[in-house]
Amino acid sequence: MVSPIKPLADRVVAVREEAQTKTASGIFLPDNAKEKPVLAQVVAVGPKVTQLKVGDKIVYKEYSTTELKIDGQEYLIVKEEDVLATI
């Protein structure tokens, strides 16, 4: 996936993964019961990002992102320091 957003400095652009629709035991969850996932896939990195690359799956701090919607696709802009781990 190519991002229409070019991040600056130590920012990354990521796309959030879909929320789970079913529990491990097979119960389907209604939309209002789903939690926002904190997993995303990196689609662009800024020039000062040192430890992440395009394609990495990341875990990020939930309330430290900027959310944008462009052409129907939701993007997250996250500081590299707010990324907690890669998967």
PDB file of N, CA and C in Angstrom:
ATOM      1  N   MET A   1       0.845  -1.178   0.000  1.00  0.00           N
ATOM      2  CA  MET A   1       0.000   0.000   0.000  1.00  0.00           C
ATOM      3  C   MET A   1       0.889   1.240   0.000  1.00  0.00           C
ATOM      4  N   VAL A   2       0.583   2.162  -0.863  1.00  0.00           N
ATOM      5  CA  VAL A   2       1.326   3.407  -0.958  1.00  0.00           C
ATOM      6  C   VAL A   2       0.539   4.479  -0.213  1.00  0.00           C
ATOM      7  N   SER A   3       1.236   5.235   0.601  1.00  0.00           N
ATOM      8  CA  SER A   3       0.591   6.265   1.402  1.00  0.00           C
ATOM      9  C   SER A   3       0.577   7.601   0.658  1.00  0.00           C
ATOM     10  N   PRO A   4      -0.555   8.304   0.672  1.00  0.00           N
ATOM     11  CA  PRO A   4      -0.588   9.643   0.093  1.00  0.00           C
ATOM     12  C   PRO A   4       0.014  10.685   1.041  1.00  0.00           C
ATOM     13  N   ILE A   5       0.412  10.237   2.219  1.00  0.00           N
ATOM     14  CA  ILE A   5       0.951  11.125   3.250  1.00  0.00           C
ATOM     15  C   ILE A   5       2.462  10.892   3.348  1.00  0.00           C
ATOM     16  N   LYS A   6       3.228  11.964   3.324  1.00  0.00           N
ATOM     17  CA  LYS A   6       4.679  11.866   3.497  1.00  0.00           C
ATOM     18  C   LYS A   6       5.014  12.393   4.896  1.00  0.00           C
ATOM     19  N   PRO A   7       5.372  11.496   5.819  1.00  0.00           N
ATOM     20  CA  PRO A   7       5.636  11.942   7.189  1.00  0.00           C
ATOM     21  C   PRO A   7       6.940  12.729   7.298  1.00  0.00           C
ATOM     22  N   LEU A   8       6.976  13.647   8.243  1.00  0.00           N
ATOM     23  CA  LEU A   8       8.159  14.457   8.501  1.00  0.00           C
ATOM     24  C   LEU A   8       8.860  13.978   9.765  1.00  0.00           C
ATOM     25  N   ALA A   9      10.120  14.290   9.863  1.00  0.00           N
ATOM     26  CA  ALA A   9      10.947  14.026  11.048  1.00  0.00           C
ATOM     27  C   ALA A   9      10.836  12.578  11.517  1.00  0.00           C
ATOM     28  N   ASP A  10      10.439  12.383  12.790  1.00  0.00           N
ATOM     29  CA  ASP A  10      10.425  11.037  13.381  1.00  0.00           C
ATOM     30  C   ASP A  10       9.017  10.445  13.420  1.00  0.00           C
ATOM     31  N   ARG A  11       8.202  10.755  12.423  1.00  0.00           N
ATOM     32  CA  ARG A  11       6.824  10.253  12.376  1.00  0.00           C
ATOM     33  C   ARG A  11       6.720   9.072  11.414  1.00  0.00           C
ATOM     34  N   VAL A  12       5.752   8.204  11.683  1.00  0.00           N
ATOM     35  CA  VAL A  12       5.419   7.123  10.765  1.00  0.00           C
ATOM     36  C   VAL A  12       3.938   7.199  10.447  1.00  0.00           C
ATOM     37  N   VAL A  13       3.573   6.764   9.261  1.00  0.00           N
ATOM     38  CA  VAL A  13       2.175   6.666   8.863  1.00  0.00           C
ATOM     39  C   VAL A  13       1.831   5.188   8.877  1.00  0.00           C
ATOM     40  N   ALA A  14       0.718   4.854   9.507  1.00  0.00           N
ATOM     41  CA  ALA A  14       0.319   3.459   9.636  1.00  0.00           C
ATOM     42  C   ALA A  14      -1.170   3.314   9.371  1.00  0.00           C
ATOM     43  N   VAL A  15      -1.574   2.088   9.051  1.00  0.00           N
ATOM     44  CA  VAL A  15      -2.976   1.752   8.853  1.00  0.00           C
ATOM     45  C   VAL A  15      -3.374   0.782   9.948  1.00  0.00           C
ATOM     46  N   ARG A  16      -4.410   1.134  10.699  1.00  0.00           N
ATOM     47  CA  ARG A  16      -4.874   0.317  11.819  1.00  0.00           C
ATOM     48  C   ARG A  16      -5.423  -1.011  11.308  1.00  0.00           C
ATOM     49  N   GLU A  17      -5.163  -2.079  12.058  1.00  0.00           N
ATOM     50  CA  GLU A  17      -5.723  -3.381  11.713  1.00  0.00           C
ATOM     51  C   GLU A  17      -7.186  -3.430  12.129  1.00  0.00           C
ATOM     52  N   GLU A  18      -7.942  -4.288  11.483  1.00  0.00           N
ATOM     53  CA  GLU A  18      -9.371  -4.422  11.768  1.00  0.00           C
ATOM     54  C   GLU A  18      -9.601  -4.972  13.171  1.00  0.00           C
ATOM     55  N   ALA A  19     -10.651  -4.508  13.820  1.00  0.00           N
ATOM     56  CA  ALA A  19     -11.020  -4.993  15.149  1.00  0.00           C
ATOM     57  C   ALA A  19     -11.563  -6.416  15.039  1.00  0.00           C
ATOM     58  N   GLN A  20     -11.358  -7.191  16.073  1.00  0.00           N
ATOM     59  CA  GLN A  20     -11.862  -8.549  16.106  1.00  0.00           C
ATOM     60  C   GLN A  20     -13.394  -8.526  16.112  1.00  0.00           C
ATOM     61  N   THR A  21     -14.002  -9.385  15.315  1.00  0.00           N
ATOM     62  CA  THR A  21     -15.463  -9.446  15.274  1.00  0.00           C
ATOM     63  C   THR A  21     -15.998 -10.644  16.026  1.00  0.00           C
ATOM     64  N   LYS A  22     -15.092 -11.528  16.448  1.00  0.00           N
ATOM     65  CA  LYS A  22     -15.518 -12.740  17.130  1.00  0.00           C
ATOM     66  C   LYS A  22     -14.515 -13.056  18.237  1.00  0.00           C
ATOM     67  N   THR A  23     -15.014 -13.513  19.386  1.00  0.00           N
ATOM     68  CA  THR A  23     -14.134 -13.887  20.484  1.00  0.00           C
ATOM     69  C   THR A  23     -13.519 -15.253  20.215  1.00  0.00           C
ATOM     70  N   ALA A  24     -12.567 -15.653  21.032  1.00  0.00           N
ATOM     71  CA  ALA A  24     -11.922 -16.954  20.881  1.00  0.00           C
ATOM     72  C   ALA A  24     -12.921 -18.100  21.042  1.00  0.00           C
ATOM     73  N   SER A  25     -13.965 -17.883  21.824  1.00  0.00           N
ATOM     74  CA  SER A  25     -14.969 -18.929  22.032  1.00  0.00           C
ATOM     75  C   SER A  25     -16.067 -18.928  20.964  1.00  0.00           C
ATOM     76  N   GLY A  26     -15.982 -17.999  19.988  1.00  0.00           N
ATOM     77  CA  GLY A  26     -16.923 -18.002  18.877  1.00  0.00           C
ATOM     78  C   GLY A  26     -18.094 -17.054  18.998  1.00  0.00           C
ATOM     79  N   ILE A  27     -18.104 -16.206  20.016  1.00  0.00           N
ATOM     80  CA  ILE A  27     -19.195 -15.246  20.189  1.00  0.00           C
ATOM     81  C   ILE A  27     -18.915 -14.022  19.318  1.00  0.00           C
ATOM     82  N   PHE A  28     -19.903 -13.617  18.513  1.00  0.00           N
ATOM     83  CA  PHE A  28     -19.755 -12.438  17.673  1.00  0.00           C
ATOM     84  C   PHE A  28     -19.989 -11.185  18.491  1.00  0.00           C
ATOM     85  N   LEU A  29     -19.134 -10.170  18.288  1.00  0.00           N
ATOM     86  CA  LEU A  29     -19.214  -8.916  19.038  1.00  0.00           C
ATOM     87  C   LEU A  29     -19.962  -7.857  18.237  1.00  0.00           C
ATOM     88  N   PRO A  30     -20.872  -7.111  18.879  1.00  0.00           N
ATOM     89  CA  PRO A  30     -21.505  -5.984  18.188  1.00  0.00           C
ATOM     90  C   PRO A  30     -20.493  -4.849  18.019  1.00  0.00           C
ATOM     91  N   ASP A  31     -20.754  -3.937  17.087  1.00  0.00           N
ATOM     92  CA  ASP A  31     -19.815  -2.850  16.794  1.00  0.00           C
ATOM     93  C   ASP A  31     -19.467  -2.006  18.010  1.00  0.00           C
ATOM     94  N   ASN A  32     -20.444  -1.735  18.876  1.00  0.00           N
ATOM     95  CA  ASN A  32     -20.173  -0.869  20.024  1.00  0.00           C
ATOM     96  C   ASN A  32     -19.389  -1.569  21.126  1.00  0.00           C
ATOM     97  N   ALA A  33     -19.207  -2.878  21.052  1.00  0.00           N
ATOM     98  CA  ALA A  33     -18.449  -3.608  22.076  1.00  0.00           C
ATOM     99  C   ALA A  33     -16.996  -3.821  21.668  1.00  0.00           C
ATOM    100  N   LYS A  34     -16.671  -3.496  20.434  1.00  0.00           N
ATOM    101  CA  LYS A  34     -15.309  -3.714  19.950  1.00  0.00           C
ATOM    102  C   LYS A  34     -14.389  -2.625  20.478  1.00  0.00           C
ATOM    103  N   GLU A  35     -13.182  -3.035  20.856  1.00  0.00           N
ATOM    104  CA  GLU A  35     -12.166  -2.067  21.249  1.00  0.00           C
ATOM    105  C   GLU A  35     -11.386  -1.659  20.012  1.00  0.00           C
ATOM    106  N   LYS A  36     -10.898  -0.412  20.009  1.00  0.00           N
ATOM    107  CA  LYS A  36     -10.034  -0.003  18.912  1.00  0.00           C
ATOM    108  C   LYS A  36      -8.724  -0.775  19.045  1.00  0.00           C
ATOM    109  N   PRO A  37      -8.283  -1.392  17.974  1.00  0.00           N
ATOM    110  CA  PRO A  37      -7.019  -2.124  18.073  1.00  0.00           C
ATOM    111  C   PRO A  37      -5.844  -1.156  18.205  1.00  0.00           C
ATOM    112  N   VAL A  38      -4.804  -1.601  18.834  1.00  0.00           N
ATOM    113  CA  VAL A  38      -3.592  -0.798  18.960  1.00  0.00           C
ATOM    114  C   VAL A  38      -2.481  -1.413  18.116  1.00  0.00           C
ATOM    115  N   LEU A  39      -2.884  -2.164  17.106  1.00  0.00           N
ATOM    116  CA  LEU A  39      -1.958  -2.738  16.143  1.00  0.00           C
ATOM    117  C   LEU A  39      -2.155  -2.046  14.810  1.00  0.00           C
ATOM    118  N   ALA A  40      -1.052  -1.793  14.109  1.00  0.00           N
ATOM    119  CA  ALA A  40      -1.139  -1.149  12.804  1.00  0.00           C
ATOM    120  C   ALA A  40       0.039  -1.590  11.947  1.00  0.00           C
ATOM    121  N   GLN A  41      -0.098  -1.380  10.654  1.00  0.00           N
ATOM    122  CA  GLN A  41       0.993  -1.683   9.732  1.00  0.00           C
ATOM    123  C   GLN A  41       1.548  -0.376   9.194  1.00  0.00           C
ATOM    124  N   VAL A  42       2.870  -0.236   9.224  1.00  0.00           N
ATOM    125  CA  VAL A  42       3.548   0.971   8.773  1.00  0.00           C
ATOM    126  C   VAL A  42       3.499   1.029   7.243  1.00  0.00           C
ATOM    127  N   VAL A  43       3.046   2.176   6.700  1.00  0.00           N
ATOM    128  CA  VAL A  43       3.004   2.351   5.249  1.00  0.00           C
ATOM    129  C   VAL A  43       3.948   3.449   4.758  1.00  0.00           C
ATOM    130  N   ALA A  44       4.485   4.271   5.669  1.00  0.00           N
ATOM    131  CA  ALA A  44       5.466   5.299   5.302  1.00  0.00           C
ATOM    132  C   ALA A  44       6.239   5.704   6.554  1.00  0.00           C
ATOM    133  N   VAL A  45       7.499   6.072   6.371  1.00  0.00           N
ATOM    134  CA  VAL A  45       8.332   6.512   7.502  1.00  0.00           C
ATOM    135  C   VAL A  45       8.993   7.838   7.162  1.00  0.00           C
ATOM    136  N   GLY A  46       9.190   8.661   8.190  1.00  0.00           N
ATOM    137  CA  GLY A  46       9.866   9.935   8.027  1.00  0.00           C
ATOM    138  C   GLY A  46      11.369   9.753   7.935  1.00  0.00           C
ATOM    139  N   PRO A  47      12.087  10.794   7.536  1.00  0.00           N
ATOM    140  CA  PRO A  47      13.530  10.687   7.322  1.00  0.00           C
ATOM    141  C   PRO A  47      14.355  10.462   8.598  1.00  0.00           C
ATOM    142  N   LYS A  48      13.825  10.795   9.754  1.00  0.00           N
ATOM    143  CA  LYS A  48      14.586  10.623  10.996  1.00  0.00           C
ATOM    144  C   LYS A  48      14.205   9.359  11.760  1.00  0.00           C
ATOM    145  N   VAL A  49      13.363   8.518  11.181  1.00  0.00           N
ATOM    146  CA  VAL A  49      12.975   7.265  11.824  1.00  0.00           C
ATOM    147  C   VAL A  49      14.120   6.279  11.650  1.00  0.00           C
ATOM    148  N   THR A  50      14.558   5.686  12.769  1.00  0.00           N
ATOM    149  CA  THR A  50      15.733   4.817  12.711  1.00  0.00           C
ATOM    150  C   THR A  50      15.423   3.343  12.904  1.00  0.00           C
ATOM    151  N   GLN A  51      14.355   2.997  13.608  1.00  0.00           N
ATOM    152  CA  GLN A  51      14.142   1.601  13.962  1.00  0.00           C
ATOM    153  C   GLN A  51      12.946   0.947  13.289  1.00  0.00           C
ATOM    154  N   LEU A  52      12.216   1.660  12.464  1.00  0.00           N
ATOM    155  CA  LEU A  52      11.040   1.102  11.800  1.00  0.00           C
ATOM    156  C   LEU A  52      11.197   1.209  10.294  1.00  0.00           C
ATOM    157  N   LYS A  53      10.502   0.312   9.582  1.00  0.00           N
ATOM    158  CA  LYS A  53      10.506   0.373   8.129  1.00  0.00           C
ATOM    159  C   LYS A  53       9.106   0.071   7.617  1.00  0.00           C
ATOM    160  N   VAL A  54       8.862   0.387   6.374  1.00  0.00           N
ATOM    161  CA  VAL A  54       7.566   0.123   5.752  1.00  0.00           C
ATOM    162  C   VAL A  54       7.296  -1.380   5.803  1.00  0.00           C
ATOM    163  N   GLY A  55       6.072  -1.726   6.208  1.00  0.00           N
ATOM    164  CA  GLY A  55       5.688  -3.133   6.303  1.00  0.00           C
ATOM    165  C   GLY A  55       5.714  -3.686   7.712  1.00  0.00           C
ATOM    166  N   ASP A  56       6.383  -2.994   8.647  1.00  0.00           N
ATOM    167  CA  ASP A  56       6.420  -3.452  10.045  1.00  0.00           C
ATOM    168  C   ASP A  56       5.025  -3.377  10.651  1.00  0.00           C
ATOM    169  N   LYS A  57       4.705  -4.345  11.497  1.00  0.00           N
ATOM    170  CA  LYS A  57       3.486  -4.274  12.297  1.00  0.00           C
ATOM    171  C   LYS A  57       3.890  -3.729  13.658  1.00  0.00           C
ATOM    172  N   ILE A  58       3.161  -2.726  14.137  1.00  0.00           N
ATOM    173  CA  ILE A  58       3.546  -2.040  15.363  1.00  0.00           C
ATOM    174  C   ILE A  58       2.429  -2.053  16.394  1.00  0.00           C
ATOM    175  N   VAL A  59       2.829  -1.911  17.642  1.00  0.00           N
ATOM    176  CA  VAL A  59       1.929  -1.664  18.768  1.00  0.00           C
ATOM    177  C   VAL A  59       2.245  -0.239  19.204  1.00  0.00           C
ATOM    178  N   TYR A  60       1.209   0.586  19.334  1.00  0.00           N
ATOM    179  CA  TYR A  60       1.434   2.001  19.646  1.00  0.00           C
ATOM    180  C   TYR A  60       0.575   2.435  20.823  1.00  0.00           C
ATOM    181  N   LYS A  61       0.946   3.582  21.409  1.00  0.00           N
ATOM    182  CA  LYS A  61       0.151   4.169  22.490  1.00  0.00           C
ATOM    183  C   LYS A  61      -1.180   4.632  21.903  1.00  0.00           C
ATOM    184  N   GLU A  62      -2.269   4.238  22.539  1.00  0.00           N
ATOM    185  CA  GLU A  62      -3.597   4.450  21.975  1.00  0.00           C
ATOM    186  C   GLU A  62      -3.972   5.917  21.788  1.00  0.00           C
ATOM    187  N   TYR A  63      -3.636   6.776  22.708  1.00  0.00           N
ATOM    188  CA  TYR A  63      -4.111   8.159  22.656  1.00  0.00           C
ATOM    189  C   TYR A  63      -3.054   9.146  22.183  1.00  0.00           C
ATOM    190  N   SER A  64      -2.028   8.672  21.508  1.00  0.00           N
ATOM    191  CA  SER A  64      -0.960   9.573  21.077  1.00  0.00           C
ATOM    192  C   SER A  64      -0.842   9.636  19.556  1.00  0.00           C
ATOM    193  N   THR A  65      -1.937   9.398  18.846  1.00  0.00           N
ATOM    194  CA  THR A  65      -1.891   9.400  17.390  1.00  0.00           C
ATOM    195  C   THR A  65      -2.732  10.532  16.820  1.00  0.00           C
ATOM    196  N   THR A  66      -2.456  10.851  15.583  1.00  0.00           N
ATOM    197  CA  THR A  66      -3.292  11.757  14.809  1.00  0.00           C
ATOM    198  C   THR A  66      -3.956  10.910  13.741  1.00  0.00           C
ATOM    199  N   GLU A  67      -5.270  10.988  13.650  1.00  0.00           N
ATOM    200  CA  GLU A  67      -6.009  10.166  12.696  1.00  0.00           C
ATOM    201  C   GLU A  67      -6.467  11.018  11.519  1.00  0.00           C
ATOM    202  N   LEU A  68      -6.282  10.487  10.304  1.00  0.00           N
ATOM    203  CA  LEU A  68      -6.708  11.164   9.079  1.00  0.00           C
ATOM    204  C   LEU A  68      -7.471  10.182   8.215  1.00  0.00           C
ATOM    205  N   LYS A  69      -8.446  10.682   7.486  1.00  0.00           N
ATOM    206  CA  LYS A  69      -9.176   9.845   6.541  1.00  0.00           C
ATOM    207  C   LYS A  69      -9.033  10.477   5.169  1.00  0.00           C
ATOM    208  N   ILE A  70      -8.392   9.751   4.243  1.00  0.00           N
ATOM    209  CA  ILE A  70      -8.159  10.247   2.891  1.00  0.00           C
ATOM    210  C   ILE A  70      -8.686   9.202   1.911  1.00  0.00           C
ATOM    211  N   ASP A  71      -9.577   9.618   1.037  1.00  0.00           N
ATOM    212  CA  ASP A  71     -10.179   8.725   0.033  1.00  0.00           C
ATOM    213  C   ASP A  71     -10.761   7.464   0.655  1.00  0.00           C
ATOM    214  N   GLY A  72     -11.396   7.600   1.815  1.00  0.00           N
ATOM    215  CA  GLY A  72     -12.051   6.460   2.454  1.00  0.00           C
ATOM    216  C   GLY A  72     -11.131   5.575   3.271  1.00  0.00           C
ATOM    217  N   GLN A  73      -9.841   5.817   3.260  1.00  0.00           N
ATOM    218  CA  GLN A  73      -8.878   5.012   4.024  1.00  0.00           C
ATOM    219  C   GLN A  73      -8.439   5.811   5.256  1.00  0.00           C
ATOM    220  N   GLU A  74      -8.447   5.156   6.425  1.00  0.00           N
ATOM    221  CA  GLU A  74      -8.000   5.816   7.652  1.00  0.00           C
ATOM    222  C   GLU A  74      -6.511   5.585   7.858  1.00  0.00           C
ATOM    223  N   TYR A  75      -5.790   6.656   8.162  1.00  0.00           N
ATOM    224  CA  TYR A  75      -4.359   6.600   8.424  1.00  0.00           C
ATOM    225  C   TYR A  75      -4.088   7.140   9.823  1.00  0.00           C
ATOM    226  N   LEU A  76      -3.030   6.643  10.430  1.00  0.00           N
ATOM    227  CA  LEU A  76      -2.560   7.131  11.721  1.00  0.00           C
ATOM    228  C   LEU A  76      -1.183   7.737  11.524  1.00  0.00           C
ATOM    229  N   ILE A  77      -0.933   8.848  12.178  1.00  0.00           N
ATOM    230  CA  ILE A  77       0.417   9.411  12.213  1.00  0.00           C
ATOM    231  C   ILE A  77       0.890   9.268  13.652  1.00  0.00           C
ATOM    232  N   VAL A  78       2.017   8.574  13.820  1.00  0.00           N
ATOM    233  CA  VAL A  78       2.523   8.229  15.147  1.00  0.00           C
ATOM    234  C   VAL A  78       3.988   8.644  15.238  1.00  0.00           C
ATOM    235  N   LYS A  79       4.379   9.230  16.366  1.00  0.00           N
ATOM    236  CA  LYS A  79       5.787   9.500  16.610  1.00  0.00           C
ATOM    237  C   LYS A  79       6.510   8.178  16.851  1.00  0.00           C
ATOM    238  N   GLU A  80       7.745   8.097  16.410  1.00  0.00           N
ATOM    239  CA  GLU A  80       8.503   6.863  16.622  1.00  0.00           C
ATOM    240  C   GLU A  80       8.613   6.535  18.113  1.00  0.00           C
ATOM    241  N   GLU A  81       8.722   7.529  18.968  1.00  0.00           N
ATOM    242  CA  GLU A  81       8.848   7.273  20.408  1.00  0.00           C
ATOM    243  C   GLU A  81       7.551   6.725  21.025  1.00  0.00           C
ATOM    244  N   ASP A  82       6.415   6.883  20.335  1.00  0.00           N
ATOM    245  CA  ASP A  82       5.144   6.360  20.828  1.00  0.00           C
ATOM    246  C   ASP A  82       4.862   4.944  20.353  1.00  0.00           C
ATOM    247  N   VAL A  83       5.752   4.384  19.552  1.00  0.00           N
ATOM    248  CA  VAL A  83       5.637   2.981  19.147  1.00  0.00           C
ATOM    249  C   VAL A  83       6.250   2.147  20.261  1.00  0.00           C
ATOM    250  N   LEU A  84       5.465   1.208  20.785  1.00  0.00           N
ATOM    251  CA  LEU A  84       5.903   0.414  21.923  1.00  0.00           C
ATOM    252  C   LEU A  84       6.649  -0.850  21.512  1.00  0.00           C
ATOM    253  N   ALA A  85       6.273  -1.435  20.372  1.00  0.00           N
ATOM    254  CA  ALA A  85       6.902  -2.697  19.952  1.00  0.00           C
ATOM    255  C   ALA A  85       6.574  -2.964  18.487  1.00  0.00           C
ATOM    256  N   THR A  86       7.342  -3.874  17.899  1.00  0.00           N
ATOM    257  CA  THR A  86       7.013  -4.393  16.574  1.00  0.00           C
ATOM    258  C   THR A  86       6.652  -5.854  16.724  1.00  0.00           C
ATOM    259  N   ILE A  87       5.861  -6.344  15.782  1.00  0.00           N
ATOM    260  CA  ILE A  87       5.432  -7.740  15.835  1.00  0.00           C
ATOM    261  C   ILE A  87       5.946  -8.443  14.599  1.00  0.00           C
TER     262      ILE A  87
END
